[in-house]
Amino acid sequence: MVRMKKTLRITTIVAILLLLFAAAGSYQMRQIASAKEEDTYEELKTFAAVLELVQRNYVEQVAPRKLIYGAIQGMLQSLDPHSAFMKPEDFKELQVETKGSFTGIGIEITLRDGVLTVVSPIEGTPAFKAGLKANDKILKINGKSTKNMTLIDAVKLLRGPKGTKVTISIFREGWRQLKDVTIVRDVIPIKSVRYRMLEDGYGYVRISNFREKTSSELKKALKEMEGKKGLKGLVLDLRNDPGGLLDQAVKVADEFLNSGLIVYTDGRVKSQKIKFEAHPNGEPHDYPIAVLVNEGSASASEIVAGALQDHKRAIIIGTQTFGKGSVQTIIPLPDGAAVRLTTARYFTPSGRSIQAEGIHPDIVVPFVPEEKKEAKEDKSPFHFLKEKDLEGHLPGEKEKKATPAKQEEKEKKKDGAKQGPPMDNQLKEALRILKAWQIFTEMKVSAK
């Protein structure tokens, strides 16, 4: 008798849920064909029957909330790697991540073909320092297999108090076996913009992720660099930038554009068909821009690169980007939980889909690690002597005019004085292209 009452109570709850579903979606349901309506209700009957069977026959008693949450998680997980159910505590953690500091190892992850994959390590974080790279496959976390693990569960295992350790087993293309990497968790820096002058007239801005203050930090960086002697060119480095907030990506692109479309989204629901336009800039940045991208550039960074490329506002240099071009909408639920649902796709101004395609650079420049470059250079057996190499040569005019200050500066450089991070081959190529651009602009071509 008790069991029958319990079963009746569960059936009643499910019936109420079905009625709520019907009421909430009445407008949309009227637009669906009656045959599809019947199919939906038939499937919901199956769900109700399974729920009842589990409650009645499972070896241990299970809380209804756990069963419902599990069913929702499974439903969303079956859609795509980025749709997920967030319990109240998961939703709170997401809100902290976009506003304040948090502790962890500092990587953006996704599910690619069912495998937990690194999108990009965040610059300056423990993961970055440990040498993790875009497209590394994480097969274990603290010895636990990541097979069938949700993104949220993986993030929970990777996060933890500052100073604690986490061991991940990674596989990288070209390797023959897994490699265990132990990383000490730390506070993940929120500052997303770093900048410096590369040479006189040529600036460098690095955006490592898109947070609440990214656009304001960018404006500050540009103002300082432009205020010195002005800029002849700018390198905007979006390599290994896993993305972040859409509105910040739009504002960053808008900083360099005066009009036209920046990005648009297209989904099934009318509210997901949105266009983001550029606005006239009160302080135009009228100098050439080179944007650096690689396989770790994803989402928001792809939006910026795609917009500047389509408007011919910048030259894109590096390697093909990650290709994360879907829009996730966070929908809060009454109990404090939330649904992260993929609701649309991103398209560049010219109509290119970013999803699974990424941004293709105008000039492909693969990254060459410094040690490999040095090994290559060591193979060169030849060095041409120049006049200045000869002992006792007559000094040139520049050597005569060299001031003690300049000599001192040269000595400092030799002694390894802090000059900012070393320039890698992609950054050097970007600077070289900007300088060539400036030379060609100044050239006067006369027709004979």
Protein backbone atom coordinates (compact mmCIF):
# COMPACT_ATOMS: atom_id res chain seq x y z
CA MET A 1 0.00 0.00 0.00
CA VAL A 2 2.85 2.36 0.92
CA ARG A 3 4.58 1.53 -2.34
CA MET A 4 1.39 2.24 -4.32
CA LYS A 5 1.01 5.64 -2.58
CA LYS A 6 4.67 6.43 -3.35
CA THR A 7 4.21 5.43 -6.99
CA LEU A 8 1.03 7.50 -7.22
CA ARG A 9 2.88 10.50 -5.71
CA ILE A 10 5.72 10.19 -8.27
CA THR A 11 3.24 9.85 -11.13
CA THR A 12 1.43 12.96 -9.90
CA ILE A 13 4.71 14.92 -9.74
CA VAL A 14 5.58 13.87 -13.27
CA ALA A 15 2.07 14.80 -14.47
CA ILE A 16 2.46 18.25 -12.90
CA LEU A 17 5.86 18.60 -14.58
CA LEU A 18 4.28 17.72 -17.91
CA LEU A 19 1.58 20.31 -17.38
CA LEU A 20 4.19 22.94 -16.50
CA PHE A 21 6.15 22.06 -19.64
CA ALA A 22 2.97 22.37 -21.68
CA ALA A 23 2.02 25.73 -20.14
CA ALA A 24 5.52 27.24 -20.45
CA GLY A 25 5.89 26.22 -24.03
CA SER A 26 2.29 26.63 -25.19
CA TYR A 27 3.10 29.33 -27.73
CA GLN A 28 5.88 27.29 -29.34
CA MET A 29 3.95 24.02 -29.09
CA ARG A 30 1.08 25.49 -31.11
CA GLN A 31 3.54 25.97 -33.97
CA ILE A 32 4.63 22.35 -33.95
CA ALA A 33 2.74 19.77 -35.97
CA SER A 34 0.33 17.59 -34.00
CA ALA A 35 2.27 14.45 -34.93
CA LYS A 36 5.41 15.87 -33.33
CA GLU A 37 3.39 16.87 -30.26
CA GLU A 38 2.27 13.29 -29.82
CA ASP A 39 5.85 12.04 -30.24
CA THR A 40 7.08 14.41 -27.53
CA TYR A 41 4.43 13.33 -25.05
CA GLU A 42 5.06 9.65 -25.83
CA GLU A 43 8.75 10.12 -25.03
CA LEU A 44 7.89 11.99 -21.81
CA LYS A 45 5.72 9.04 -20.82
CA THR A 46 8.76 6.80 -21.27
CA PHE A 47 10.78 9.14 -19.05
CA ALA A 48 8.07 9.05 -16.38
CA ALA A 49 7.97 5.26 -16.54
CA VAL A 50 11.76 4.94 -16.13
CA LEU A 51 11.74 7.44 -13.25
CA GLU A 52 9.06 5.38 -11.53
CA LEU A 53 10.97 2.12 -12.10
CA VAL A 54 14.15 3.55 -10.60
CA GLN A 55 12.34 4.97 -7.59
CA ARG A 56 10.56 1.68 -6.97
CA ASN A 57 13.18 -0.96 -7.82
CA TYR A 58 16.69 0.50 -7.50
CA VAL A 59 18.83 -1.23 -4.88
CA GLU A 60 19.03 1.96 -2.77
CA GLN A 61 16.65 4.84 -2.28
CA VAL A 62 17.64 7.84 -4.42
CA ALA A 63 16.56 11.44 -3.85
CA PRO A 64 14.20 12.63 -6.64
CA ARG A 65 16.31 15.79 -7.10
CA LYS A 66 19.40 13.70 -7.89
CA LEU A 67 17.49 11.72 -10.51
CA ILE A 68 15.99 14.81 -12.14
CA TYR A 69 19.36 16.64 -12.17
CA GLY A 70 21.03 13.55 -13.65
CA ALA A 71 18.38 13.32 -16.38
CA ILE A 72 18.82 17.01 -17.28
CA GLN A 73 22.63 16.65 -17.35
CA GLY A 74 22.38 13.66 -19.69
CA MET A 75 19.91 15.47 -21.96
CA LEU A 76 22.13 18.55 -22.36
CA GLN A 77 25.32 16.51 -22.66
CA SER A 78 23.83 14.68 -25.64
CA LEU A 79 23.45 17.97 -27.57
CA ASP A 80 27.00 19.35 -27.92
CA PRO A 81 30.18 19.79 -25.81
CA HIS A 82 29.25 23.30 -24.62
CA SER A 83 25.66 22.78 -23.43
CA ALA A 84 25.52 21.85 -19.75
CA PHE A 85 23.46 21.87 -16.58
CA MET A 86 24.93 23.87 -13.70
CA LYS A 87 23.95 23.08 -10.15
CA PRO A 88 23.56 26.14 -7.88
CA GLU A 89 27.18 25.88 -6.68
CA ASP A 90 28.47 25.55 -10.29
CA PHE A 91 26.50 28.62 -11.38
CA LYS A 92 27.94 30.69 -8.52
CA GLU A 93 31.47 29.62 -9.50
CA LEU A 94 30.88 30.72 -13.10
CA GLN A 95 29.78 34.16 -11.90
CA VAL A 96 32.95 34.49 -9.80
CA GLU A 97 35.14 33.45 -12.73
CA THR A 98 34.04 36.35 -14.95
CA LYS A 99 34.20 38.99 -12.19
CA GLY A 100 36.80 38.12 -9.55
CA SER A 101 39.84 35.94 -9.03
CA PHE A 102 39.69 32.16 -8.64
CA THR A 103 42.17 29.40 -7.98
CA GLY A 104 43.07 26.62 -10.38
CA ILE A 105 45.65 25.84 -13.05
CA GLY A 106 44.50 28.31 -15.72
CA ILE A 107 43.26 26.50 -18.81
CA GLU A 108 40.21 26.71 -21.04
CA ILE A 109 38.92 23.22 -21.90
CA THR A 110 36.34 21.71 -24.23
CA LEU A 111 35.11 18.31 -25.37
CA ARG A 112 36.31 17.46 -28.86
CA ASP A 113 35.08 14.15 -30.27
CA GLY A 114 34.22 13.16 -26.72
CA VAL A 115 37.77 13.77 -25.45
CA LEU A 116 38.63 16.46 -22.89
CA THR A 117 40.81 18.87 -24.87
CA VAL A 118 42.80 21.99 -23.98
CA VAL A 119 41.58 25.02 -25.92
CA SER A 120 44.35 27.18 -24.54
CA PRO A 121 46.37 27.78 -21.37
CA ILE A 122 45.95 31.31 -19.99
CA GLU A 123 49.21 33.24 -20.15
CA GLY A 124 51.16 33.46 -16.91
CA THR A 125 49.19 30.70 -15.16
CA PRO A 126 50.54 27.40 -13.73
CA ALA A 127 49.25 25.49 -16.80
CA PHE A 128 51.05 27.91 -19.13
CA LYS A 129 54.30 27.60 -17.16
CA ALA A 130 53.97 23.79 -17.12
CA GLY A 131 54.01 23.80 -20.93
CA LEU A 132 50.43 22.76 -21.68
CA LYS A 133 49.40 23.59 -25.26
CA ALA A 134 46.26 23.97 -27.33
CA ASN A 135 44.84 20.61 -28.48
CA ASP A 136 46.52 18.61 -25.69
CA LYS A 137 44.21 15.73 -24.71
CA ILE A 138 43.57 15.34 -20.96
CA LEU A 139 42.88 11.65 -20.42
CA LYS A 140 43.18 11.52 -16.62
CA ILE A 141 42.89 13.95 -13.71
CA ASN A 142 44.49 12.68 -10.49
CA GLY A 143 44.36 9.17 -11.93
CA LYS A 144 40.64 9.39 -12.72
CA SER A 145 39.70 8.77 -16.36
CA THR A 146 38.04 11.71 -18.11
CA LYS A 147 36.06 9.40 -20.40
CA ASN A 148 32.37 10.42 -20.29
CA MET A 149 33.26 13.23 -17.87
CA THR A 150 31.34 16.49 -18.24
CA LEU A 151 33.16 19.81 -18.63
CA ILE A 152 31.81 21.04 -15.30
CA ASP A 153 33.00 17.91 -13.47
CA ALA A 154 36.43 18.28 -15.09
CA VAL A 155 36.65 21.94 -14.04
CA LYS A 156 35.77 20.94 -10.45
CA LEU A 157 38.66 18.46 -10.36
CA LEU A 158 41.11 20.97 -11.84
CA ARG A 159 40.11 23.76 -9.43
CA GLY A 160 41.20 23.78 -5.81
CA PRO A 161 42.88 25.81 -3.05
CA LYS A 162 46.06 27.73 -3.79
CA GLY A 163 49.20 25.65 -3.22
CA THR A 164 47.53 22.27 -3.72
CA LYS A 165 48.63 19.93 -6.50
CA VAL A 166 46.77 18.27 -9.35
CA THR A 167 48.24 15.66 -11.70
CA ILE A 168 46.90 15.44 -15.23
CA SER A 169 47.77 12.81 -17.82
CA ILE A 170 48.03 14.38 -21.25
CA PHE A 171 48.55 13.11 -24.77
CA ARG A 172 49.90 15.30 -27.57
CA GLU A 173 50.06 14.63 -31.29
CA GLY A 174 53.38 13.00 -32.10
CA TRP A 175 53.78 11.40 -28.67
CA ARG A 176 53.78 7.63 -28.21
CA GLN A 177 52.55 7.57 -24.62
CA LEU A 178 50.80 9.61 -21.96
CA LYS A 179 52.74 12.12 -19.91
CA ASP A 180 51.85 12.94 -16.31
CA VAL A 181 52.15 16.62 -15.44
CA THR A 182 51.82 17.74 -11.82
CA ILE A 183 50.75 21.37 -11.46
CA VAL A 184 50.49 23.49 -8.32
CA ARG A 185 47.25 25.47 -8.25
CA ASP A 186 47.41 29.22 -7.87
CA VAL A 187 45.25 32.33 -8.07
CA ILE A 188 44.45 32.90 -11.75
CA PRO A 189 45.19 36.48 -12.79
CA ILE A 190 42.23 38.48 -14.03
CA LYS A 191 44.27 41.18 -15.79
CA SER A 192 43.84 40.41 -19.47
CA VAL A 193 45.83 43.14 -21.26
CA ARG A 194 49.61 43.60 -21.31
CA TYR A 195 51.47 46.02 -23.56
CA ARG A 196 54.89 47.46 -24.41
CA MET A 197 56.79 49.19 -27.19
CA LEU A 198 58.65 46.80 -29.49
CA GLU A 199 60.61 49.53 -31.23
CA ASP A 200 60.30 53.26 -31.69
CA GLY A 201 56.82 53.79 -33.20
CA TYR A 202 55.71 50.14 -33.02
CA GLY A 203 53.49 48.98 -30.14
CA TYR A 204 52.49 45.57 -28.86
CA VAL A 205 49.26 44.62 -27.05
CA ARG A 206 48.65 41.13 -25.72
CA ILE A 207 45.08 40.10 -24.81
CA SER A 208 45.18 36.80 -22.92
CA ASN A 209 41.40 36.53 -22.29
CA PHE A 210 38.25 38.67 -22.49
CA ARG A 211 37.08 39.78 -19.05
CA GLU A 212 34.89 42.60 -17.74
CA LYS A 213 37.68 45.22 -17.96
CA THR A 214 39.43 44.11 -21.16
CA SER A 215 38.18 46.96 -23.38
CA SER A 216 38.98 49.64 -20.77
CA GLU A 217 42.46 48.15 -20.23
CA LEU A 218 43.01 48.19 -24.00
CA LYS A 219 42.04 51.87 -24.23
CA LYS A 220 44.48 52.71 -21.46
CA ALA A 221 47.29 50.80 -23.21
CA LEU A 222 46.67 52.49 -26.57
CA LYS A 223 46.45 55.95 -24.99
CA GLU A 224 49.80 55.51 -23.25
CA MET A 225 51.62 54.16 -26.32
CA GLU A 226 50.10 56.70 -28.71
CA GLY A 227 50.83 59.56 -26.28
CA LYS A 228 54.58 59.12 -26.35
CA LYS A 229 55.58 59.62 -29.97
CA GLY A 230 52.58 58.21 -31.76
CA LEU A 231 52.39 54.80 -33.38
CA LYS A 232 53.39 53.75 -36.88
CA GLY A 233 51.96 50.27 -36.34
CA LEU A 234 50.51 47.91 -33.74
CA VAL A 235 50.80 44.16 -33.12
CA LEU A 236 47.64 42.78 -31.46
CA ASP A 237 48.52 39.37 -30.01
CA LEU A 238 45.52 37.03 -29.61
CA ARG A 239 47.51 33.78 -29.57
CA ASN A 240 46.36 31.24 -26.97
CA ASP A 241 43.44 33.50 -26.07
CA PRO A 242 40.56 31.12 -25.24
CA GLY A 243 37.92 33.87 -25.43
CA GLY A 244 35.52 35.08 -22.76
CA LEU A 245 32.81 37.73 -22.76
CA LEU A 246 31.10 38.51 -26.08
CA ASP A 247 30.45 42.17 -25.26
CA GLN A 248 34.17 42.70 -24.61
CA ALA A 249 35.10 41.12 -27.95
CA VAL A 250 32.66 43.49 -29.67
CA LYS A 251 34.10 46.52 -27.82
CA VAL A 252 37.70 45.55 -28.67
CA ALA A 253 36.87 45.21 -32.38
CA ASP A 254 34.85 48.45 -32.22
CA GLU A 255 37.95 50.26 -30.91
CA PHE A 256 39.59 49.80 -34.32
CA LEU A 257 36.52 50.12 -36.55
CA ASN A 258 34.41 53.22 -37.27
CA SER A 259 31.42 51.58 -38.93
CA GLY A 260 30.00 48.35 -40.27
CA LEU A 261 29.13 44.95 -38.87
CA ILE A 262 31.42 43.38 -36.26
CA VAL A 263 29.74 39.99 -35.81
CA TYR A 264 26.26 38.52 -35.99
CA THR A 265 24.62 35.52 -34.41
CA ASP A 266 22.04 33.26 -36.01
CA GLY A 267 19.84 30.78 -34.16
CA ARG A 268 16.35 29.26 -34.32
CA VAL A 269 14.78 31.79 -31.97
CA LYS A 270 14.29 35.37 -33.15
CA SER A 271 15.99 36.79 -30.04
CA GLN A 272 19.20 34.94 -31.02
CA LYS A 273 19.43 36.68 -34.39
CA ILE A 274 21.55 39.64 -33.30
CA LYS A 275 23.82 42.02 -35.18
CA PHE A 276 26.61 43.97 -33.49
CA GLU A 277 27.65 47.16 -35.28
CA ALA A 278 30.73 49.38 -34.94
CA HIS A 279 30.47 53.04 -33.91
CA PRO A 280 32.47 56.11 -34.96
CA ASN A 281 35.58 56.35 -32.82
CA GLY A 282 36.32 59.72 -31.21
CA GLU A 283 40.04 58.89 -31.21
CA PRO A 284 40.78 56.99 -34.45
CA HIS A 285 43.81 54.72 -34.49
CA ASP A 286 44.96 55.44 -38.02
CA TYR A 287 47.90 53.05 -38.25
CA PRO A 288 48.27 49.52 -39.64
CA ILE A 289 47.56 46.56 -37.38
CA ALA A 290 48.95 43.02 -37.46
CA VAL A 291 46.92 40.45 -35.50
CA LEU A 292 48.67 37.29 -34.28
CA VAL A 293 46.54 34.12 -33.95
CA ASN A 294 47.13 30.41 -33.52
CA GLU A 295 45.30 27.16 -32.78
CA GLY A 296 44.73 28.36 -29.20
CA SER A 297 42.80 31.47 -30.31
CA ALA A 298 39.12 30.73 -29.77
CA SER A 299 35.66 32.26 -29.48
CA ALA A 300 35.94 35.98 -28.59
CA SER A 301 39.45 36.26 -30.05
CA GLU A 302 38.17 34.72 -33.31
CA ILE A 303 35.38 37.31 -33.41
CA VAL A 304 37.92 40.16 -33.18
CA ALA A 305 40.29 38.64 -35.74
CA GLY A 306 37.42 37.85 -38.16
CA ALA A 307 35.95 41.37 -37.93
CA LEU A 308 39.29 43.14 -38.51
CA GLN A 309 40.12 40.75 -41.35
CA ASP A 310 36.79 41.19 -43.16
CA HIS A 311 36.99 44.99 -42.92
CA LYS A 312 40.58 44.92 -44.24
CA ARG A 313 41.55 46.77 -41.08
CA ALA A 314 44.31 44.37 -40.07
CA ILE A 315 46.49 41.64 -41.51
CA ILE A 316 46.09 38.29 -39.75
CA ILE A 317 49.33 36.37 -39.16
CA GLY A 318 50.01 32.95 -37.63
CA THR A 319 48.11 29.66 -37.91
CA GLN A 320 44.44 28.63 -38.23
CA THR A 321 42.41 29.31 -35.08
CA PHE A 322 40.50 26.84 -32.88
CA GLY A 323 37.05 27.22 -34.46
CA LYS A 324 34.76 27.72 -31.45
CA GLY A 325 31.95 29.68 -33.10
CA SER A 326 28.84 28.76 -31.10
CA VAL A 327 26.90 30.99 -28.70
CA GLN A 328 26.04 29.77 -25.21
CA THR A 329 23.19 31.44 -23.29
CA ILE A 330 23.10 31.11 -19.50
CA ILE A 331 19.50 30.63 -18.35
CA PRO A 332 19.02 30.81 -14.54
CA LEU A 333 16.51 28.44 -12.95
CA PRO A 334 14.29 29.12 -9.90
CA ASP A 335 16.30 26.89 -7.52
CA GLY A 336 19.59 28.72 -8.17
CA ALA A 337 20.78 26.28 -10.82
CA ALA A 338 21.22 27.28 -14.47
CA VAL A 339 21.29 25.86 -17.97
CA ARG A 340 24.14 26.68 -20.31
CA LEU A 341 22.57 26.15 -23.73
CA THR A 342 24.03 26.54 -27.21
CA THR A 343 21.53 28.83 -28.91
CA ALA A 344 23.25 30.26 -31.99
CA ARG A 345 26.37 30.41 -34.18
CA TYR A 346 28.79 33.29 -34.72
CA PHE A 347 29.34 34.69 -38.22
CA THR A 348 31.93 37.22 -39.35
CA PRO A 349 30.78 40.40 -41.19
CA SER A 350 31.18 38.69 -44.57
CA GLY A 351 29.02 35.74 -43.46
CA ARG A 352 31.75 33.21 -42.67
CA SER A 353 30.87 30.72 -39.95
CA ILE A 354 33.56 30.45 -37.27
CA GLN A 355 32.22 27.12 -35.94
CA ALA A 356 34.65 24.23 -36.65
CA GLU A 357 36.30 26.42 -39.31
CA GLY A 358 38.15 29.07 -37.37
CA ILE A 359 39.91 32.06 -38.90
CA HIS A 360 42.46 31.42 -41.63
CA PRO A 361 45.43 33.81 -41.48
CA ASP A 362 46.26 36.09 -44.41
CA ILE A 363 49.88 35.04 -43.96
CA VAL A 364 50.59 31.61 -42.49
CA VAL A 365 53.58 31.66 -40.13
CA PRO A 366 54.03 28.46 -38.08
CA PHE A 367 55.53 28.93 -34.64
CA VAL A 368 59.17 27.83 -34.36
CA PRO A 369 60.42 27.28 -30.79
CA GLU A 370 63.59 29.21 -29.98
CA GLU A 371 65.65 26.09 -29.23
CA LYS A 372 64.82 24.60 -32.65
CA LYS A 373 65.69 27.85 -34.35
CA GLU A 374 69.05 27.99 -32.59
CA ALA A 375 69.79 24.39 -33.58
CA LYS A 376 69.01 25.28 -37.19
CA GLU A 377 71.22 28.35 -37.10
CA ASP A 378 74.09 26.36 -35.57
CA LYS A 379 74.21 24.20 -38.71
CA SER A 380 75.22 27.22 -40.80
CA PRO A 381 79.01 26.93 -41.38
CA PHE A 382 79.36 30.32 -42.98
CA HIS A 383 79.82 33.90 -41.83
CA PHE A 384 80.69 36.72 -44.22
CA LEU A 385 83.23 39.18 -42.85
CA LYS A 386 82.36 42.85 -43.06
CA GLU A 387 84.60 45.90 -42.85
CA LYS A 388 83.56 46.59 -39.26
CA ASP A 389 84.73 43.06 -38.29
CA LEU A 390 88.31 43.82 -39.29
CA GLU A 391 90.65 44.77 -36.46
CA GLY A 392 91.82 48.39 -36.64
CA HIS A 393 89.17 49.43 -39.22
CA LEU A 394 88.45 53.11 -39.73
CA PRO A 395 85.33 54.01 -37.69
CA GLY A 396 82.22 55.09 -39.59
CA GLU A 397 80.34 58.32 -38.91
CA LYS A 398 77.75 56.54 -36.76
CA GLU A 399 80.46 54.95 -34.62
CA LYS A 400 82.11 58.35 -34.14
CA LYS A 401 78.81 59.97 -33.06
CA ALA A 402 77.84 57.19 -30.67
CA THR A 403 77.18 58.81 -27.31
CA PRO A 404 78.29 57.30 -23.99
CA ALA A 405 74.60 56.84 -23.15
CA LYS A 406 74.08 54.71 -26.25
CA GLN A 407 77.19 52.69 -25.50
CA GLU A 408 75.91 52.16 -21.96
CA GLU A 409 72.53 51.04 -23.33
CA LYS A 410 74.28 48.52 -25.59
CA GLU A 411 76.22 47.18 -22.64
CA LYS A 412 73.03 46.81 -20.59
CA LYS A 413 71.44 44.77 -23.37
CA LYS A 414 74.51 42.55 -23.48
CA ASP A 415 74.30 42.07 -19.71
CA GLY A 416 70.71 40.83 -20.08
CA ALA A 417 68.91 43.88 -18.69
CA LYS A 418 65.10 43.46 -18.62
CA GLN A 419 63.77 44.28 -22.07
CA GLY A 420 60.41 42.52 -21.88
CA PRO A 421 59.62 38.96 -23.09
CA PRO A 422 61.80 37.76 -25.98
CA MET A 423 60.37 38.14 -29.49
CA ASP A 424 59.44 34.81 -31.08
CA ASN A 425 59.50 34.18 -34.83
CA GLN A 426 55.78 35.04 -35.34
CA LEU A 427 56.08 38.34 -33.48
CA LYS A 428 59.25 39.21 -35.41
CA GLU A 429 57.45 38.49 -38.68
CA ALA A 430 54.50 40.70 -37.66
CA LEU A 431 56.86 43.57 -36.86
CA ARG A 432 58.75 43.07 -40.11
CA ILE A 433 55.48 43.22 -42.10
CA LEU A 434 54.37 46.40 -40.32
CA LYS A 435 57.71 48.08 -41.04
CA ALA A 436 57.54 47.01 -44.69
CA TRP A 437 53.98 48.38 -44.82
CA GLN A 438 55.27 51.73 -43.55
CA ILE A 439 58.08 51.77 -46.13
CA PHE A 440 55.72 51.02 -49.01
CA THR A 441 53.30 53.70 -47.79
CA GLU A 442 56.06 56.32 -47.86
CA MET A 443 57.34 55.28 -51.28
CA LYS A 444 56.71 57.66 -54.16
CA VAL A 445 56.21 55.78 -57.39
CA SER A 446 56.71 57.90 -60.51
CA ALA A 447 55.50 56.73 -63.90
CA LYS A 448 58.01 57.15 -66.74
